[in-house]
Amino acid sequence: MYDRFDRHINYLRISVTDRCNLRCQYCMPEEGVKLLTHNDILTFEEIQEVTRIAVKLGVDKVRITGGEPLVRKGVVQLVGDLAKIDGIRDLSMTTNGVLLPKFAGALADAGLNRVNISLDTLDPIKYKQITRNGSLSDVLDGIATAKVAGLLPIKLNCVVRENSDEPDAQSVAEFGKEHGFEVRFIHQMNLNTGEFHVVEGGSGGDCENCNRLRLTANGKVKPCLFNDMEFDVRTLGAEAALMAAIQNKPFCGTINHQNSFYNIGG
């Protein structure tokens, strides 16, 4: 699939839930948010159908996100069903890692190829402050379990305030180097003001070469993270929604007033 700017669109990010077991300061307000109802959220069957059609149209890279995807009941089964779709060459997941000690082995057995794990600091006190209720040891256990399970390469997503020279970022970089993990530095962004940056060590934020679409947990196909534009798979049908997103994908991001990072998958 190519958009009107001749970019090859082959990557679908799927948010399976807007719920999360952490309350990271840069992602969600401390008091929480109004969550989607059960009926609002796409069923696994609907997600599979959208994915099958996306693959038929040329998608070969799929990432499962949230919220925190591992809090959705039955997500391992979803991974298994998506892994059976012929044409997906890369099936991955972005997670905060807290639940990986429980799920990593089952995810690998189901067909998940690899994981990106959020890790902003190696200071347990700072980690608890950033996440408001998280335990660094849980994440480190999750990373270790994912490595044993073979969910490789493991990539660490480190959010930075200014740049990757910050002490916390450097400690994560050293941790990654020591254990053979790739590290991506993600500058804090603001959907509502259009403040975004190219990810250091990754491709996010590189508008000129953007190859992705996003499917929200409530069935909206978004051609751009920093744009209000979206196309409903339940109203239009999966193929029409996907094609509309591709045909209307903007050259560059602007602002997004309708979504937040917790419900769009980042």
Protein backbone atom coordinates (compact mmCIF):
# COMPACT_ATOMS: atom_id res chain seq x y z
CA MET A 1 0.00 0.00 0.00
CA TYR A 2 1.25 3.45 -0.89
CA ASP A 3 -0.23 6.76 0.20
CA ARG A 4 -0.49 9.88 -1.95
CA PHE A 5 3.04 10.87 -0.92
CA ASP A 6 4.41 7.53 -2.15
CA ARG A 7 5.14 6.26 1.35
CA HIS A 8 4.92 2.47 1.69
CA ILE A 9 2.31 1.80 4.40
CA ASN A 10 3.02 -1.64 5.84
CA TYR A 11 2.75 -1.21 9.62
CA LEU A 12 -0.40 -1.46 11.76
CA ARG A 13 -0.36 -0.61 15.46
CA ILE A 14 -3.34 -2.09 17.32
CA SER A 15 -4.48 -0.71 20.67
CA VAL A 16 -6.42 -3.50 22.39
CA THR A 17 -7.39 -1.55 25.52
CA ASP A 18 -7.36 1.93 27.03
CA ARG A 19 -6.73 0.49 30.50
CA CYS A 20 -3.38 0.41 32.25
CA ASN A 21 -2.03 -0.86 35.56
CA LEU A 22 0.28 2.17 35.90
CA ARG A 23 -0.39 5.92 35.94
CA CYS A 24 2.70 7.39 34.30
CA GLN A 25 2.84 11.15 34.78
CA TYR A 26 3.34 11.96 31.10
CA CYS A 27 0.57 9.62 29.94
CA MET A 28 -2.36 9.71 32.33
CA PRO A 29 -3.70 12.04 35.04
CA GLU A 30 -3.34 10.80 38.62
CA GLU A 31 -7.11 10.53 39.12
CA GLY A 32 -7.41 8.29 36.07
CA VAL A 33 -9.65 8.80 33.05
CA LYS A 34 -13.10 7.92 31.80
CA LEU A 35 -12.68 4.48 30.26
CA LEU A 36 -14.37 2.93 27.28
CA THR A 37 -17.29 0.61 27.93
CA HIS A 38 -17.16 -3.08 27.11
CA ASN A 39 -19.37 -2.55 24.06
CA ASP A 40 -17.17 0.26 22.76
CA ILE A 41 -14.05 -1.89 22.58
CA LEU A 42 -13.44 -4.05 19.53
CA THR A 43 -13.84 -7.78 20.06
CA PHE A 44 -10.92 -10.03 19.25
CA GLU A 45 -12.84 -11.28 16.23
CA GLU A 46 -13.17 -7.70 14.96
CA ILE A 47 -9.46 -7.05 15.53
CA GLN A 48 -8.58 -10.22 13.63
CA GLU A 49 -10.80 -9.23 10.72
CA VAL A 50 -9.29 -5.75 10.46
CA THR A 51 -5.81 -7.26 10.62
CA ARG A 52 -6.55 -9.85 7.93
CA ILE A 53 -7.79 -7.14 5.58
CA ALA A 54 -4.82 -4.89 6.41
CA VAL A 55 -2.45 -7.75 5.57
CA LYS A 56 -4.34 -8.34 2.31
CA LEU A 57 -3.74 -4.66 1.50
CA GLY A 58 -0.01 -4.92 2.20
CA VAL A 59 0.60 -4.69 5.96
CA ASP A 60 3.28 -7.13 7.12
CA LYS A 61 4.24 -5.58 10.47
CA VAL A 62 1.81 -5.58 13.41
CA ARG A 63 2.32 -4.24 16.94
CA ILE A 64 -0.08 -4.78 19.84
CA THR A 65 -0.33 -1.83 22.24
CA GLY A 66 -2.67 -0.33 24.82
CA GLY A 67 -3.01 1.22 27.36
CA GLU A 68 -1.23 -1.80 28.72
CA PRO A 69 -2.12 -4.71 26.43
CA LEU A 70 -1.44 -7.40 29.02
CA VAL A 71 -4.30 -6.21 31.23
CA ARG A 72 -6.83 -7.25 28.59
CA LYS A 73 -8.18 -10.70 29.35
CA GLY A 74 -7.38 -13.28 26.70
CA VAL A 75 -4.67 -11.25 24.96
CA VAL A 76 -2.45 -14.35 24.61
CA GLN A 77 -5.19 -15.99 22.55
CA LEU A 78 -5.40 -12.88 20.37
CA VAL A 79 -1.65 -13.06 19.79
CA GLY A 80 -2.01 -16.68 18.77
CA ASP A 81 -4.80 -15.90 16.33
CA LEU A 82 -2.91 -12.98 14.78
CA ALA A 83 0.24 -15.08 14.49
CA LYS A 84 -1.67 -17.49 12.25
CA ILE A 85 -2.45 -14.80 9.68
CA ASP A 86 -0.29 -15.55 6.67
CA GLY A 87 1.73 -12.51 5.63
CA ILE A 88 2.67 -11.03 9.00
CA ARG A 89 6.45 -11.12 9.18
CA ASP A 90 6.82 -9.18 12.44
CA LEU A 91 4.36 -9.47 15.34
CA SER A 92 5.40 -7.46 18.39
CA MET A 93 4.03 -5.83 21.53
CA THR A 94 4.71 -2.68 23.51
CA THR A 95 4.28 -3.22 27.26
CA ASN A 96 5.29 -1.69 30.55
CA GLY A 97 6.69 -5.11 31.46
CA VAL A 98 4.99 -5.46 34.83
CA LEU A 99 3.00 -8.55 33.81
CA LEU A 100 5.65 -10.17 31.62
CA PRO A 101 6.81 -12.59 34.36
CA LYS A 102 3.34 -14.13 34.09
CA PHE A 103 2.84 -13.93 30.34
CA ALA A 104 6.19 -13.90 28.49
CA GLY A 105 6.46 -17.66 27.98
CA ALA A 106 2.86 -18.00 26.83
CA LEU A 107 3.21 -15.03 24.46
CA ALA A 108 6.30 -16.56 22.86
CA ASP A 109 4.55 -19.92 22.51
CA ALA A 110 1.56 -18.17 20.92
CA GLY A 111 3.76 -16.63 18.24
CA LEU A 112 4.76 -13.18 19.48
CA ASN A 113 8.16 -12.32 18.02
CA ARG A 114 9.45 -9.56 20.28
CA VAL A 115 8.62 -6.86 22.82
CA ASN A 116 9.31 -3.20 23.47
CA ILE A 117 9.38 -2.49 27.20
CA SER A 118 9.02 0.92 28.83
CA LEU A 119 11.91 1.79 31.14
CA ASP A 120 12.59 5.44 31.97
CA THR A 121 14.95 5.02 34.91
CA LEU A 122 16.84 2.43 36.94
CA ASP A 123 16.23 4.33 40.17
CA PRO A 124 13.41 2.52 42.02
CA ILE A 125 12.28 5.67 43.82
CA LYS A 126 12.11 7.69 40.61
CA TYR A 127 10.36 4.80 38.85
CA LYS A 128 7.67 4.78 41.51
CA GLN A 129 7.29 8.55 41.19
CA ILE A 130 7.03 8.47 37.39
CA THR A 131 4.54 5.59 37.32
CA ARG A 132 2.80 6.65 40.56
CA ASN A 133 2.39 3.05 41.70
CA GLY A 134 4.93 0.92 39.87
CA SER A 135 7.75 -1.28 41.13
CA LEU A 136 11.02 -1.26 39.19
CA SER A 137 11.79 -4.80 40.31
CA ASP A 138 8.62 -6.05 38.59
CA VAL A 139 9.77 -4.55 35.29
CA LEU A 140 13.30 -5.88 35.61
CA ASP A 141 11.86 -9.34 36.29
CA GLY A 142 9.67 -8.91 33.23
CA ILE A 143 12.63 -7.99 31.05
CA ALA A 144 14.58 -11.00 32.27
CA THR A 145 11.63 -13.32 31.68
CA ALA A 146 11.12 -11.96 28.17
CA LYS A 147 14.77 -12.61 27.36
CA VAL A 148 14.56 -16.20 28.58
CA ALA A 149 11.36 -16.69 26.56
CA GLY A 150 13.14 -15.55 23.40
CA LEU A 151 11.09 -12.41 22.73
CA LEU A 152 14.03 -10.85 20.96
CA PRO A 153 15.33 -8.36 20.18
CA ILE A 154 14.12 -6.62 23.32
CA LYS A 155 13.86 -2.87 22.85
CA LEU A 156 13.68 -0.50 25.80
CA ASN A 157 11.55 2.63 25.40
CA CYS A 158 12.99 5.42 27.54
CA VAL A 159 11.07 8.70 27.78
CA VAL A 160 13.30 11.75 28.23
CA ARG A 161 12.48 15.34 29.11
CA GLU A 162 15.17 17.06 27.03
CA ASN A 163 17.64 14.58 25.53
CA SER A 164 19.36 11.24 25.95
CA ASP A 165 22.25 12.79 27.89
CA GLU A 166 20.08 12.94 31.02
CA PRO A 167 21.42 10.76 33.87
CA ASP A 168 18.40 8.43 33.93
CA ALA A 169 18.57 7.96 30.17
CA GLN A 170 22.27 7.21 30.35
CA SER A 171 21.72 4.60 33.06
CA VAL A 172 19.13 2.90 30.85
CA ALA A 173 21.57 3.06 27.92
CA GLU A 174 24.27 1.36 29.99
CA PHE A 175 21.79 -1.28 31.17
CA GLY A 176 20.83 -1.95 27.58
CA LYS A 177 24.43 -2.21 26.45
CA GLU A 178 25.29 -4.56 29.31
CA HIS A 179 22.43 -6.95 28.53
CA GLY A 180 22.27 -6.67 24.76
CA PHE A 181 19.02 -4.67 24.53
CA GLU A 182 18.30 -1.91 22.03
CA VAL A 183 17.35 1.42 23.59
CA ARG A 184 15.07 4.04 22.03
CA PHE A 185 14.84 7.51 23.53
CA ILE A 186 11.41 9.10 23.19
CA HIS A 187 11.09 12.81 23.89
CA GLN A 188 8.01 13.81 25.84
CA MET A 189 5.35 14.85 23.38
CA ASN A 190 2.06 16.73 23.51
CA LEU A 191 -0.77 15.68 21.21
CA ASN A 192 -2.83 18.82 21.85
CA THR A 193 -0.07 21.29 21.01
CA GLY A 194 1.54 19.27 18.25
CA GLU A 195 4.88 18.95 20.01
CA PHE A 196 6.60 15.84 18.70
CA HIS A 197 10.10 14.67 17.89
CA VAL A 198 11.83 11.91 15.98
CA VAL A 199 12.55 8.97 18.29
CA GLU A 200 16.27 8.48 18.90
CA GLY A 201 17.08 4.94 17.83
CA GLY A 202 13.67 4.44 16.21
CA SER A 203 11.46 5.66 13.38
CA GLY A 204 8.60 7.30 15.28
CA GLY A 205 8.06 10.97 14.55
CA ASP A 206 9.77 10.79 11.15
CA CYS A 207 6.85 12.10 9.09
CA GLU A 208 8.61 11.98 5.74
CA ASN A 209 9.08 8.22 6.03
CA CYS A 210 6.05 7.28 8.16
CA ASN A 211 4.78 3.81 7.23
CA ARG A 212 2.09 3.25 9.87
CA LEU A 213 -1.60 3.26 10.61
CA ARG A 214 -3.17 2.95 14.06
CA LEU A 215 -6.26 1.05 15.12
CA THR A 216 -7.70 2.34 18.39
CA ALA A 217 -9.37 0.07 20.94
CA ASN A 218 -12.79 1.39 19.90
CA GLY A 219 -12.28 0.75 16.21
CA LYS A 220 -10.99 3.97 14.72
CA VAL A 221 -8.27 3.76 12.07
CA LYS A 222 -5.98 6.76 12.45
CA PRO A 223 -3.57 7.67 9.67
CA CYS A 224 -1.51 9.91 11.95
CA LEU A 225 -0.90 10.11 15.68
CA PHE A 226 -0.81 13.92 15.59
CA ASN A 227 -4.07 14.45 13.73
CA ASP A 228 -7.77 14.27 14.64
CA MET A 229 -8.60 12.33 11.49
CA GLU A 230 -10.03 8.83 12.03
CA PHE A 231 -12.18 6.30 10.19
CA ASP A 232 -14.52 3.92 12.01
CA VAL A 233 -14.27 0.25 11.01
CA ARG A 234 -17.72 -0.50 12.43
CA THR A 235 -19.38 2.26 10.43
CA LEU A 236 -17.43 2.07 7.17
CA GLY A 237 -16.25 -1.53 7.24
CA ALA A 238 -12.62 -2.52 7.75
CA GLU A 239 -11.39 -2.25 4.17
CA ALA A 240 -13.06 1.10 3.49
CA ALA A 241 -11.75 2.53 6.76
CA LEU A 242 -8.21 1.34 6.07
CA MET A 243 -8.25 2.66 2.51
CA ALA A 244 -9.67 6.01 3.63
CA ALA A 245 -6.90 6.32 6.22
CA ILE A 246 -4.24 5.59 3.61
CA GLN A 247 -5.71 7.94 1.01
CA ASN A 248 -6.05 10.77 3.54
CA LYS A 249 -2.82 10.27 5.45
CA PRO A 250 -1.27 13.72 5.91
CA PHE A 251 2.32 14.46 4.99
CA CYS A 252 3.10 15.69 8.49
CA GLY A 253 1.55 15.65 11.93
CA THR A 254 -0.14 18.73 13.37
CA ILE A 255 -2.30 18.40 16.51
CA ASN A 256 -4.66 15.82 18.01
CA HIS A 257 -7.47 17.09 20.26
CA GLN A 258 -9.45 13.83 20.39
CA ASN A 259 -6.99 11.32 21.80
CA SER A 260 -4.44 10.77 24.53
CA PHE A 261 -1.42 8.49 24.60
CA TYR A 262 -3.14 6.03 26.93
CA ASN A 263 -5.90 5.28 24.41
CA ILE A 264 -4.06 5.49 21.13
CA GLY A 265 -1.01 3.37 21.75
CA GLY A 266 1.70 5.99 21.27
